[in-house]
Protein backbone atom coordinates (compact mmCIF):
# COMPACT_ATOMS: atom_id res chain seq x y z
CA MET A 1 142.00 109.73 141.92
CA ALA A 2 140.79 108.94 138.61
CA SER A 3 141.07 111.95 136.44
CA PRO A 4 137.13 112.69 134.11
CA ARG A 5 137.02 110.95 130.43
CA THR A 6 137.41 113.48 128.25
CA ALA A 7 136.06 113.35 124.15
CA PRO A 8 139.03 112.55 121.42
CA LEU A 9 140.43 115.31 120.12
CA ILE A 10 138.89 115.06 116.00
CA THR A 11 141.17 116.86 114.01
CA GLN A 12 140.49 118.89 110.26
CA ALA A 13 142.69 116.19 109.02
CA MET A 14 140.91 113.42 110.60
CA ILE A 15 137.94 114.50 109.14
CA ASP A 16 138.96 115.20 105.87
CA ALA A 17 140.69 111.42 105.87
CA TYR A 18 136.87 110.46 107.00
CA ASP A 19 135.26 112.47 103.28
CA GLU A 20 138.06 110.75 101.29
CA TYR A 21 137.26 107.26 102.73
CA THR A 22 133.42 107.78 102.08
CA HIS A 23 133.07 109.64 99.05
CA LEU A 24 136.45 109.47 96.53
CA THR A 25 139.14 106.41 96.75
CA LEU A 26 140.39 105.73 100.17
CA ASP A 27 139.14 102.26 101.49
CA ARG A 28 138.47 101.16 105.06
CA ARG A 29 141.78 99.68 105.69
CA GLY A 30 144.02 102.90 104.38
CA PHE A 31 141.42 104.90 106.07
CA MET A 32 142.19 102.95 109.94
CA ASP A 33 145.39 102.77 109.00
CA LYS A 34 145.60 107.05 108.05
CA LEU A 35 143.31 107.58 111.64
CA THR A 36 145.68 105.46 113.86
CA ARG A 37 148.76 107.54 113.06
CA MET A 38 146.89 110.80 113.07
CA ALA A 39 145.54 109.47 116.86
CA GLY A 40 148.19 108.13 118.18
CA SER A 41 146.79 104.78 118.68
CA GLY A 42 144.31 102.11 117.37
CA ALA A 43 142.41 102.88 120.53
CA ALA A 44 142.37 106.17 120.10
CA ALA A 45 141.19 105.65 116.00
CA ALA A 46 138.71 103.04 117.30
CA ALA A 47 136.95 105.59 119.37
CA ILE A 48 137.31 108.85 117.43
CA VAL A 49 134.98 106.36 114.06
CA PRO A 50 131.71 106.70 116.04
CA LEU A 51 132.07 109.96 115.97
CA LEU A 52 133.23 110.83 112.87
CA ALA A 53 130.23 108.51 111.56
CA ALA A 54 126.55 108.62 111.26
CA SER A 55 124.84 107.11 114.51
CA SER A 56 121.51 105.23 113.63
CA ALA A 57 121.19 105.39 117.66
CA SER A 58 120.93 108.74 117.50
CA ALA A 59 117.86 110.47 118.79
CA ALA A 60 115.07 111.31 116.01
CA ILE A 61 114.14 115.10 116.19
CA VAL A 62 110.96 114.27 114.98
CA ALA A 63 109.74 110.64 116.15
CA GLN A 64 108.59 108.41 114.09
CA ASP A 65 105.10 108.03 115.81
CA ASP A 66 105.00 112.03 116.37
CA SER A 67 100.69 112.06 116.26
CA ARG A 68 101.61 115.72 113.89
CA VAL A 69 102.49 113.58 111.23
CA THR A 70 101.22 110.46 109.41
CA GLY A 71 103.98 108.34 107.66
CA GLN A 72 104.20 105.15 105.81
CA ASP A 73 106.21 103.16 103.55
CA ILE A 74 104.93 103.36 99.82
CA THR A 75 106.10 102.27 96.14
CA TYR A 76 105.63 103.95 93.61
CA PRO A 77 106.39 104.01 89.80
CA GLY A 78 110.26 104.30 89.07
CA SER A 79 111.27 104.75 85.16
CA SER A 80 111.91 100.98 85.11
CA GLY A 81 110.63 99.47 87.83
CA GLU A 82 109.35 99.66 91.19
CA MET A 83 109.90 102.09 93.39
CA LYS A 84 110.11 102.31 97.40
CA GLY A 85 109.97 105.16 99.96
CA TYR A 86 108.35 106.94 102.69
CA LEU A 87 105.79 109.49 102.47
CA VAL A 88 104.98 111.49 104.88
CA ARG A 89 102.21 114.49 105.58
CA PRO A 90 100.87 116.38 108.29
CA SER A 91 98.01 114.85 110.39
CA ASN A 92 95.96 118.34 110.38
CA GLN A 93 95.94 118.05 106.93
CA GLN A 94 93.79 120.71 104.77
CA GLY A 95 93.47 121.11 101.34
CA ARG A 96 96.25 120.33 98.83
CA LEU A 97 99.98 120.82 100.14
CA GLY A 98 103.14 121.32 97.99
CA THR A 99 105.47 118.37 97.84
CA VAL A 100 109.14 117.56 98.26
CA ILE A 101 111.24 114.95 97.32
CA VAL A 102 113.45 114.21 100.41
CA VAL A 103 116.96 112.61 99.33
CA HIS A 104 119.04 110.90 101.07
CA GLU A 105 122.93 110.90 101.41
CA ASN A 106 124.99 108.07 99.96
CA ARG A 107 124.21 105.61 102.91
CA GLY A 108 120.45 105.28 101.11
CA LEU A 109 117.33 105.94 103.19
CA ASN A 110 118.10 105.70 106.65
CA PRO A 111 116.82 106.58 109.68
CA HIS A 112 117.68 110.25 109.55
CA ILE A 113 116.48 110.97 106.46
CA ARG A 114 113.60 109.45 107.22
CA ASP A 115 113.33 112.41 110.19
CA VAL A 116 114.20 115.15 107.77
CA ALA A 117 111.57 113.66 105.72
CA ARG A 118 109.00 114.19 108.81
CA ARG A 119 110.98 117.69 109.68
CA VAL A 120 109.80 118.80 106.17
CA ALA A 121 106.06 117.76 106.56
CA LEU A 122 105.74 119.30 110.25
CA GLU A 123 106.94 122.56 107.88
CA GLY A 124 103.48 122.07 106.02
CA PHE A 125 104.47 119.63 103.27
CA VAL A 126 103.65 116.62 101.35
CA ALA A 127 107.44 114.65 101.32
CA LEU A 128 108.52 111.98 100.54
CA ALA A 129 112.10 110.07 100.57
CA PRO A 130 112.63 107.59 98.11
CA ASP A 131 115.10 104.78 98.24
CA PHE A 132 117.29 105.22 94.78
CA LEU A 133 118.79 101.59 96.01
CA SER A 134 115.56 100.20 95.09
CA PRO A 135 116.91 98.71 91.79
CA LEU A 136 119.39 96.89 93.66
CA GLY A 137 117.17 95.30 96.49
CA GLY A 138 116.56 98.74 98.51
CA THR A 139 118.71 100.06 101.46
CA PRO A 140 120.42 97.20 103.59
CA ALA A 141 120.58 97.72 107.60
CA ASP A 142 124.47 98.16 107.23
CA GLU A 143 125.29 101.08 106.08
CA ASP A 144 129.33 100.46 105.19
CA LYS A 145 127.12 97.64 102.58
CA ALA A 146 124.70 100.41 101.64
CA ARG A 147 127.44 103.08 101.10
CA ASP A 148 129.04 100.17 98.44
CA MET A 149 125.95 99.83 96.24
CA PHE A 150 126.54 103.50 94.94
CA ALA A 151 128.87 102.35 92.98
CA LYS A 152 126.50 100.25 91.27
CA LEU A 153 123.81 102.83 90.46
CA ASP A 154 123.53 103.92 86.77
CA PRO A 155 123.33 107.51 87.26
CA ALA A 156 120.64 107.21 83.78
CA GLN A 157 118.74 105.59 85.82
CA VAL A 158 118.80 107.22 89.06
CA ALA A 159 117.77 110.58 86.91
CA ALA A 160 115.58 108.40 85.67
CA ASP A 161 113.81 107.64 88.68
CA ALA A 162 114.14 110.75 90.09
CA VAL A 163 111.89 112.41 86.78
CA ALA A 164 109.29 109.98 87.69
CA THR A 165 109.44 110.69 90.96
CA VAL A 166 108.63 114.15 90.26
CA ALA A 167 105.66 112.53 87.84
CA TYR A 168 104.44 110.85 90.88
CA LEU A 169 104.34 113.89 93.15
CA LYS A 170 102.84 115.78 90.75
CA GLU A 171 99.69 113.79 90.26
CA TYR A 172 99.47 113.03 94.15
CA GLU A 173 96.23 112.93 95.74
CA HIS A 174 97.00 115.03 98.79
CA GLY A 175 99.91 117.57 97.00
CA ASN A 176 99.02 120.83 94.80
CA GLY A 177 100.96 119.77 91.23
CA LYS A 178 103.64 121.58 92.93
CA VAL A 179 107.22 119.54 93.46
CA GLY A 180 110.57 120.74 95.04
CA ALA A 181 113.39 118.29 95.98
CA ILE A 182 116.28 119.03 98.73
CA GLY A 183 119.10 116.75 98.72
CA PHE A 184 122.12 116.32 101.10
CA CYS A 185 125.68 115.15 99.76
CA TRP A 186 124.93 112.34 97.09
CA GLY A 187 121.39 113.21 97.43
CA GLY A 188 122.48 117.01 96.65
CA GLY A 189 124.06 116.29 93.98
CA THR A 190 120.92 113.95 92.59
CA VAL A 191 118.79 117.19 93.12
CA ASN A 192 120.74 119.18 90.96
CA MET A 193 121.08 116.06 87.95
CA LEU A 194 116.81 116.69 88.70
CA ALA A 195 116.75 119.43 87.82
CA VAL A 196 118.72 119.72 84.87
CA ASN A 197 116.23 116.15 83.75
CA SER A 198 112.66 117.84 84.57
CA PRO A 199 110.91 120.67 83.48
CA ASP A 200 108.68 120.12 86.37
CA LEU A 201 110.77 120.28 88.95
CA ALA A 202 109.12 124.21 90.69
CA ALA A 203 112.43 124.65 93.43
CA ALA A 204 115.69 122.71 94.47
CA VAL A 205 117.31 122.66 97.11
CA ALA A 206 121.27 121.28 97.31
CA TYR A 207 123.27 120.47 100.48
CA TYR A 208 126.94 120.04 99.48
CA GLY A 209 125.59 118.99 96.06
CA ALA A 210 128.07 118.00 93.34
CA GLN A 211 127.57 120.56 90.70
CA PRO A 212 126.27 119.54 86.75
CA LYS A 213 128.14 119.98 83.77
CA ALA A 214 127.93 123.79 82.98
CA ALA A 215 126.71 122.79 79.34
CA ASP A 216 123.28 121.08 81.13
CA VAL A 217 122.61 124.49 83.33
CA PRO A 218 120.40 125.64 80.11
CA LYS A 219 118.20 122.81 80.68
CA ILE A 220 117.49 123.94 84.15
CA LYS A 221 113.81 125.39 84.43
CA ALA A 222 113.58 124.59 88.14
CA ALA A 223 114.95 128.07 91.44
CA LEU A 224 117.90 126.59 92.87
CA LEU A 225 118.81 126.97 96.22
CA LEU A 226 122.51 126.11 96.52
CA HIS A 227 123.79 125.82 100.41
CA TYR A 228 127.50 124.67 100.23
CA ALA A 229 130.25 124.22 103.51
CA GLY A 230 133.13 126.38 104.15
CA LEU A 231 135.70 123.55 104.73
CA ASP A 232 134.11 121.44 102.07
CA GLN A 233 136.94 121.85 99.25
CA ARG A 234 135.89 118.58 97.39
CA ILE A 235 132.40 120.18 96.35
CA ASN A 236 133.44 123.79 96.60
CA ALA A 237 136.02 123.16 93.55
CA GLY A 238 132.95 123.03 91.02
CA ILE A 239 131.06 126.19 92.95
CA GLU A 240 132.76 128.43 90.56
CA PRO A 241 132.04 127.21 86.57
CA PHE A 242 128.30 126.62 87.95
CA LYS A 243 127.87 129.94 89.12
CA LYS A 244 129.01 131.18 85.97
CA ALA A 245 126.92 129.03 83.51
CA LEU A 246 123.91 130.12 86.17
CA ASP A 247 124.54 133.38 85.52
CA ALA A 248 125.12 133.19 81.87
CA ASP A 249 121.59 131.58 81.48
CA HIS A 250 120.29 133.93 83.90
CA LYS A 251 119.20 131.29 86.42
CA GLN A 252 117.04 132.14 89.48
CA TYR A 253 119.39 130.91 91.99
CA ALA A 254 120.88 131.75 95.80
CA ILE A 255 124.20 130.36 97.05
CA TYR A 256 125.28 130.28 100.39
CA MET A 257 128.30 129.41 101.90
CA TYR A 258 128.68 128.42 105.34
CA GLU A 259 132.59 129.56 106.77
CA GLY A 260 134.26 127.14 109.06
CA ALA A 261 131.39 124.18 108.52
CA ASN A 262 132.28 120.80 107.14
CA HIS A 263 130.25 118.63 104.54
CA ALA A 264 127.44 117.13 106.04
CA PHE A 265 126.83 120.26 108.50
CA ASN A 266 123.47 119.46 108.32
CA ASN A 267 123.45 115.54 109.41
CA ASP A 268 123.11 115.97 113.45
CA THR A 269 123.75 111.92 114.08
CA SER A 270 127.30 112.71 112.77
CA ALA A 271 129.18 114.20 115.91
CA ALA A 272 132.39 115.48 114.41
CA ARG A 273 130.76 117.35 111.69
CA TYR A 274 127.36 118.23 112.61
CA ASP A 275 127.82 122.30 113.07
CA LYS A 276 123.79 123.38 114.93
CA GLN A 277 124.50 126.93 113.71
CA ALA A 278 124.93 126.45 110.00
CA ALA A 279 122.66 123.50 110.07
CA ASP A 280 119.63 125.73 111.67
CA LEU A 281 120.23 128.50 109.42
CA ALA A 282 120.20 126.59 106.46
CA TRP A 283 117.14 125.39 107.65
CA GLY A 284 115.41 128.36 107.76
CA ARG A 285 116.40 129.01 104.18
CA THR A 286 115.32 125.99 103.09
CA ILE A 287 111.92 126.32 104.56
CA ALA A 288 111.57 130.03 103.57
CA PHE A 289 112.54 128.88 100.20
CA LEU A 290 110.07 125.96 99.60
CA LYS A 291 106.69 127.90 101.36
CA GLU A 292 107.76 130.91 98.66
CA LYS A 293 108.25 128.34 95.70
CA LEU A 294 105.60 125.96 96.20
CA ALA A 295 102.66 127.84 97.78
């Protein structure tokens, strides 16, 4: 009698190698070679990759056709050209609502981030998920191609486009003039950068995002909510200098560390890295924070 199939064993070293591949200098061939050595065979490595990566086939928590929200693809003025984005608001909206920018990871505006925008809208906000790859033609369907495109982005233009997004939402007819932002991974770093560059940003939530330079912290006007994963050594290395600068300038902020969680713990389309307990706790804190700051 054949034994039942079991899920491949995924170690922390494999997760760290995937992070090195997706965020640092390891190329795909080098990553697969490294993963094959860890897994013991090419076949085992091939079975593990989909569990490490985000799956576009994963079911959305809030379906695209959910009648409780109204979503549409839009264009709006960026810093030097047209920006693409996905705008969502509650279908039964009464009065003007706080507005939230939802900033994607280094895979662009994909189905997962659209789902997150719908989750934000269900909590009583107008949510806009910009496509920061708009200057390069927009997010492609191939997420590996999308990742490669991020190296071609000009950080100054990203910051300017983010500031332009705040300006757009500040004047949005269904908004109350208060703008917050939430970002994940690359998006978390972008939200931190936005807080430095936009005095009109009221609230910033960064999930495992790279920190701005300490010298730029005095420019921050927004209240900050910073979520970090306990096992994310790469990003966590910048916490103490950032915290020291925030304290020195008496900024309003809260830092939460989710012990035992990996970078990208909020992304429920990544089987190996998603941590439901950490994600649910961070999400509850995020929504409470945004409701307080954007009312």
